Structure formats: structure tokens, C-alpha cells
């Protein structure tokens, strides 16, 4: 696993606040596999800021007529 200088992980409540979503919404996304990728560290769920941004960007639309059902799970970085 590579490390990056300045890498930052957020717990579910902070990640939800960052995205403007409730913790419960992120928990549901984890259950359904539709949310941002996350990591389990010592039994704790954490999110990388880059992964949150990537997932949020997957929901970008230019028009309400864009063909897409919504954000998709972010794919893990290699």
C-alpha cells in the first residue's frame, strides 16, 4: 500500500458532513454498494478525501435530461 503525504481519512460522521449527507445515508450506501469506497481500519470505517471527491464527481450532470441514474461507487485506486 502506498502512502501519500497529507493523506487524510474521515470517519463516517465527518465524511457525511463533508458531502452534505447524513451518516445514515452513507451507511445505506455502504450496504447497497452505491457509495464511495471506504476502508476498515481496526474495525472503523474511514473515507479518503480523494475517494469522496471522486464519488461526488460521478454525480456531475449538465442537465436533468442526462441519462444516468445517479452516482456510482468510486473505483478503488491502484
N, C-alpha and C. Protein backbone atom coordinates (compact mmCIF):
# COMPACT_ATOMS: atom_id res chain seq x y z
N UNK A 1 0.85 -1.18 0.00
CA UNK A 1 0.00 0.00 0.00
C UNK A 1 0.89 1.24 0.00
N UNK A 2 0.66 2.13 -0.90
CA UNK A 2 1.47 3.34 -0.96
C UNK A 2 0.90 4.39 -0.01
N UNK A 3 1.78 5.24 0.50
CA UNK A 3 1.33 6.33 1.37
C UNK A 3 1.57 7.65 0.65
N UNK A 4 0.71 8.59 0.91
CA UNK A 4 0.84 9.91 0.31
C UNK A 4 0.99 10.93 1.42
N UNK A 5 1.83 11.90 1.19
CA UNK A 5 1.97 12.99 2.15
C UNK A 5 0.67 13.76 2.20
N UNK A 6 0.17 14.03 3.38
CA UNK A 6 -1.06 14.79 3.53
C UNK A 6 -2.33 13.97 3.36
N UNK A 7 -2.20 12.65 3.27
CA UNK A 7 -3.39 11.80 3.12
C UNK A 7 -4.26 11.97 4.37
N UNK A 8 -5.55 12.07 4.17
CA UNK A 8 -6.43 12.31 5.29
C UNK A 8 -7.63 11.40 5.19
N UNK A 9 -7.96 10.79 6.30
CA UNK A 9 -9.12 9.91 6.38
C UNK A 9 -10.17 10.52 7.30
N UNK A 10 -11.42 10.36 6.92
CA UNK A 10 -12.54 10.88 7.71
C UNK A 10 -13.41 9.72 8.16
N UNK A 11 -13.90 9.80 9.39
CA UNK A 11 -14.87 8.83 9.87
C UNK A 11 -16.22 9.15 9.23
N UNK A 12 -17.19 8.27 9.38
CA UNK A 12 -18.49 8.42 8.71
C UNK A 12 -19.17 9.76 9.01
N UNK A 13 -19.25 10.21 10.27
CA UNK A 13 -19.93 11.50 10.50
C UNK A 13 -19.24 12.67 9.80
N UNK A 14 -17.91 12.70 9.81
CA UNK A 14 -17.18 13.79 9.16
C UNK A 14 -17.30 13.69 7.64
N UNK A 15 -17.28 12.47 7.11
CA UNK A 15 -17.45 12.29 5.66
C UNK A 15 -18.84 12.75 5.23
N UNK A 16 -19.85 12.41 6.02
CA UNK A 16 -21.20 12.85 5.72
C UNK A 16 -21.32 14.37 5.73
N UNK A 17 -20.70 14.99 6.73
CA UNK A 17 -20.73 16.45 6.81
C UNK A 17 -20.03 17.06 5.60
N UNK A 18 -18.90 16.48 5.21
CA UNK A 18 -18.15 16.98 4.06
C UNK A 18 -18.99 16.92 2.79
N UNK A 19 -19.77 15.83 2.62
CA UNK A 19 -20.60 15.65 1.43
C UNK A 19 -21.98 16.29 1.54
N UNK A 20 -22.36 16.71 2.75
CA UNK A 20 -23.70 17.25 2.95
C UNK A 20 -24.74 16.16 3.06
N UNK A 21 -24.32 14.98 3.54
CA UNK A 21 -25.22 13.84 3.71
C UNK A 21 -25.20 13.41 5.17
N UNK A 22 -26.23 12.70 5.57
CA UNK A 22 -26.24 12.18 6.94
C UNK A 22 -25.36 10.93 7.02
N UNK A 23 -24.93 10.61 8.23
CA UNK A 23 -24.17 9.38 8.45
C UNK A 23 -24.98 8.18 8.01
N UNK A 24 -26.27 8.22 8.31
CA UNK A 24 -27.15 7.09 7.95
C UNK A 24 -27.20 6.88 6.44
N UNK A 25 -27.20 7.97 5.68
CA UNK A 25 -27.21 7.84 4.23
C UNK A 25 -25.94 7.16 3.74
N UNK A 26 -24.79 7.54 4.30
CA UNK A 26 -23.54 6.87 3.92
C UNK A 26 -23.57 5.40 4.32
N UNK A 27 -24.14 5.09 5.48
CA UNK A 27 -24.25 3.69 5.90
C UNK A 27 -25.10 2.89 4.92
N UNK A 28 -26.19 3.48 4.46
CA UNK A 28 -27.05 2.80 3.48
C UNK A 28 -26.30 2.59 2.17
N UNK A 29 -25.56 3.61 1.73
CA UNK A 29 -24.77 3.46 0.51
C UNK A 29 -23.75 2.34 0.65
N UNK A 30 -23.14 2.20 1.83
CA UNK A 30 -22.19 1.10 2.04
C UNK A 30 -22.90 -0.24 1.93
N UNK A 31 -24.10 -0.34 2.52
CA UNK A 31 -24.86 -1.58 2.49
C UNK A 31 -25.21 -1.98 1.06
N UNK A 32 -25.62 -1.00 0.26
CA UNK A 32 -26.06 -1.29 -1.11
C UNK A 32 -24.91 -1.28 -2.11
N UNK A 33 -23.73 -0.87 -1.69
CA UNK A 33 -22.59 -0.82 -2.60
C UNK A 33 -22.65 0.32 -3.59
N UNK A 34 -23.37 1.38 -3.25
CA UNK A 34 -23.53 2.51 -4.17
C UNK A 34 -22.78 3.75 -3.74
N UNK A 35 -22.08 3.67 -2.64
CA UNK A 35 -21.40 4.84 -2.09
C UNK A 35 -19.94 4.90 -2.45
N UNK A 36 -19.25 5.86 -1.85
CA UNK A 36 -17.82 5.98 -2.09
C UNK A 36 -17.07 4.79 -1.48
N UNK A 37 -15.91 4.47 -2.04
CA UNK A 37 -15.11 3.39 -1.47
C UNK A 37 -14.66 3.82 -0.08
N UNK A 38 -14.46 2.85 0.78
CA UNK A 38 -14.06 3.13 2.15
C UNK A 38 -13.06 2.08 2.60
N UNK A 39 -12.47 2.32 3.73
CA UNK A 39 -11.50 1.38 4.30
C UNK A 39 -11.95 1.01 5.71
N UNK A 40 -11.57 -0.18 6.13
CA UNK A 40 -11.81 -0.61 7.50
C UNK A 40 -10.45 -0.62 8.19
N UNK A 41 -10.29 0.20 9.19
CA UNK A 41 -9.06 0.28 9.96
C UNK A 41 -9.38 -0.06 11.41
N UNK A 42 -8.94 -1.23 11.83
CA UNK A 42 -9.23 -1.64 13.21
C UNK A 42 -10.71 -1.71 13.50
N UNK A 43 -11.51 -2.09 12.52
CA UNK A 43 -12.95 -2.18 12.70
C UNK A 43 -13.68 -0.86 12.48
N UNK A 44 -12.94 0.19 12.21
CA UNK A 44 -13.56 1.50 11.97
C UNK A 44 -13.61 1.78 10.48
N UNK A 45 -14.70 2.37 10.05
CA UNK A 45 -14.87 2.75 8.65
C UNK A 45 -14.30 4.15 8.48
N UNK A 46 -13.42 4.31 7.49
CA UNK A 46 -12.87 5.63 7.18
C UNK A 46 -12.91 5.85 5.68
N UNK A 47 -12.99 7.11 5.31
CA UNK A 47 -13.04 7.52 3.90
C UNK A 47 -11.86 8.44 3.61
N UNK A 48 -11.24 8.25 2.47
CA UNK A 48 -10.19 9.15 1.99
C UNK A 48 -10.88 10.33 1.30
N UNK A 49 -10.36 11.53 1.51
CA UNK A 49 -10.96 12.71 0.88
C UNK A 49 -11.00 12.61 -0.64
N UNK A 50 -9.95 12.06 -1.24
CA UNK A 50 -9.94 11.91 -2.71
C UNK A 50 -11.05 10.99 -3.19
N UNK A 51 -11.31 9.92 -2.43
CA UNK A 51 -12.38 8.99 -2.80
C UNK A 51 -13.75 9.65 -2.69
N UNK A 52 -13.92 10.49 -1.67
CA UNK A 52 -15.19 11.20 -1.51
C UNK A 52 -15.42 12.15 -2.69
N UNK A 53 -14.37 12.86 -3.07
CA UNK A 53 -14.48 13.79 -4.20
C UNK A 53 -14.75 13.05 -5.50
N UNK A 54 -14.07 11.92 -5.70
CA UNK A 54 -14.28 11.13 -6.92
C UNK A 54 -15.73 10.64 -6.99
N UNK A 55 -16.26 10.15 -5.88
CA UNK A 55 -17.63 9.67 -5.86
C UNK A 55 -18.62 10.81 -6.11
N UNK A 56 -18.38 11.95 -5.46
CA UNK A 56 -19.27 13.10 -5.67
C UNK A 56 -19.22 13.57 -7.12
N UNK A 57 -18.04 13.55 -7.72
CA UNK A 57 -17.91 13.97 -9.12
C UNK A 57 -18.61 13.01 -10.07
N UNK A 58 -18.81 11.77 -9.65
CA UNK A 58 -19.52 10.83 -10.53
C UNK A 58 -20.98 11.22 -10.70
N UNK A 59 -21.46 12.12 -9.86
CA UNK A 59 -22.84 12.59 -9.97
C UNK A 59 -22.98 13.88 -10.74
N UNK A 60 -21.90 14.36 -11.35
CA UNK A 60 -21.98 15.61 -12.13
C UNK A 60 -22.92 15.45 -13.32
N UNK A 61 -23.76 16.42 -13.52
CA UNK A 61 -24.70 16.43 -14.64
C UNK A 61 -24.78 17.84 -15.19
N UNK A 62 -25.03 17.95 -16.48
CA UNK A 62 -25.19 19.24 -17.12
C UNK A 62 -26.66 19.58 -17.32
N UNK A 63 -27.52 18.56 -17.23
CA UNK A 63 -28.93 18.75 -17.49
C UNK A 63 -29.73 17.66 -16.78
N UNK A 64 -30.97 17.94 -16.47
CA UNK A 64 -31.82 16.92 -15.87
C UNK A 64 -32.15 15.81 -16.85
N UNK A 65 -31.90 16.04 -18.14
CA UNK A 65 -32.17 15.01 -19.13
C UNK A 65 -30.97 14.10 -19.39
N UNK A 66 -29.84 14.35 -18.69
CA UNK A 66 -28.70 13.44 -18.82
C UNK A 66 -29.12 12.04 -18.44
N UNK A 67 -28.70 11.07 -19.22
CA UNK A 67 -29.06 9.68 -18.98
C UNK A 67 -28.11 9.06 -17.96
N UNK A 68 -28.56 8.96 -16.74
CA UNK A 68 -27.78 8.30 -15.69
C UNK A 68 -28.66 8.24 -14.46
N UNK A 69 -28.52 7.18 -13.70
CA UNK A 69 -29.39 7.00 -12.53
C UNK A 69 -28.82 7.62 -11.26
N UNK A 70 -27.63 8.21 -11.31
CA UNK A 70 -27.07 8.83 -10.12
C UNK A 70 -25.64 8.40 -9.91
N UNK A 71 -25.09 8.80 -8.78
CA UNK A 71 -23.69 8.47 -8.52
C UNK A 71 -23.46 6.97 -8.46
N UNK A 72 -22.31 6.55 -8.91
CA UNK A 72 -21.91 5.16 -8.88
C UNK A 72 -20.77 5.00 -7.89
N UNK A 73 -20.55 3.81 -7.41
CA UNK A 73 -19.44 3.62 -6.48
C UNK A 73 -18.12 4.03 -7.13
N UNK A 74 -17.29 4.70 -6.37
CA UNK A 74 -15.98 5.06 -6.88
C UNK A 74 -15.13 3.80 -6.94
N UNK A 75 -14.36 3.68 -7.99
CA UNK A 75 -13.50 2.51 -8.09
C UNK A 75 -12.22 2.77 -7.30
N UNK A 76 -11.74 1.75 -6.58
CA UNK A 76 -10.53 1.93 -5.79
C UNK A 76 -9.34 2.28 -6.66
N UNK A 77 -8.47 3.13 -6.11
CA UNK A 77 -7.24 3.48 -6.82
C UNK A 77 -6.26 2.32 -6.70
N UNK A 78 -5.44 2.15 -7.71
CA UNK A 78 -4.43 1.08 -7.69
C UNK A 78 -3.23 1.50 -6.88
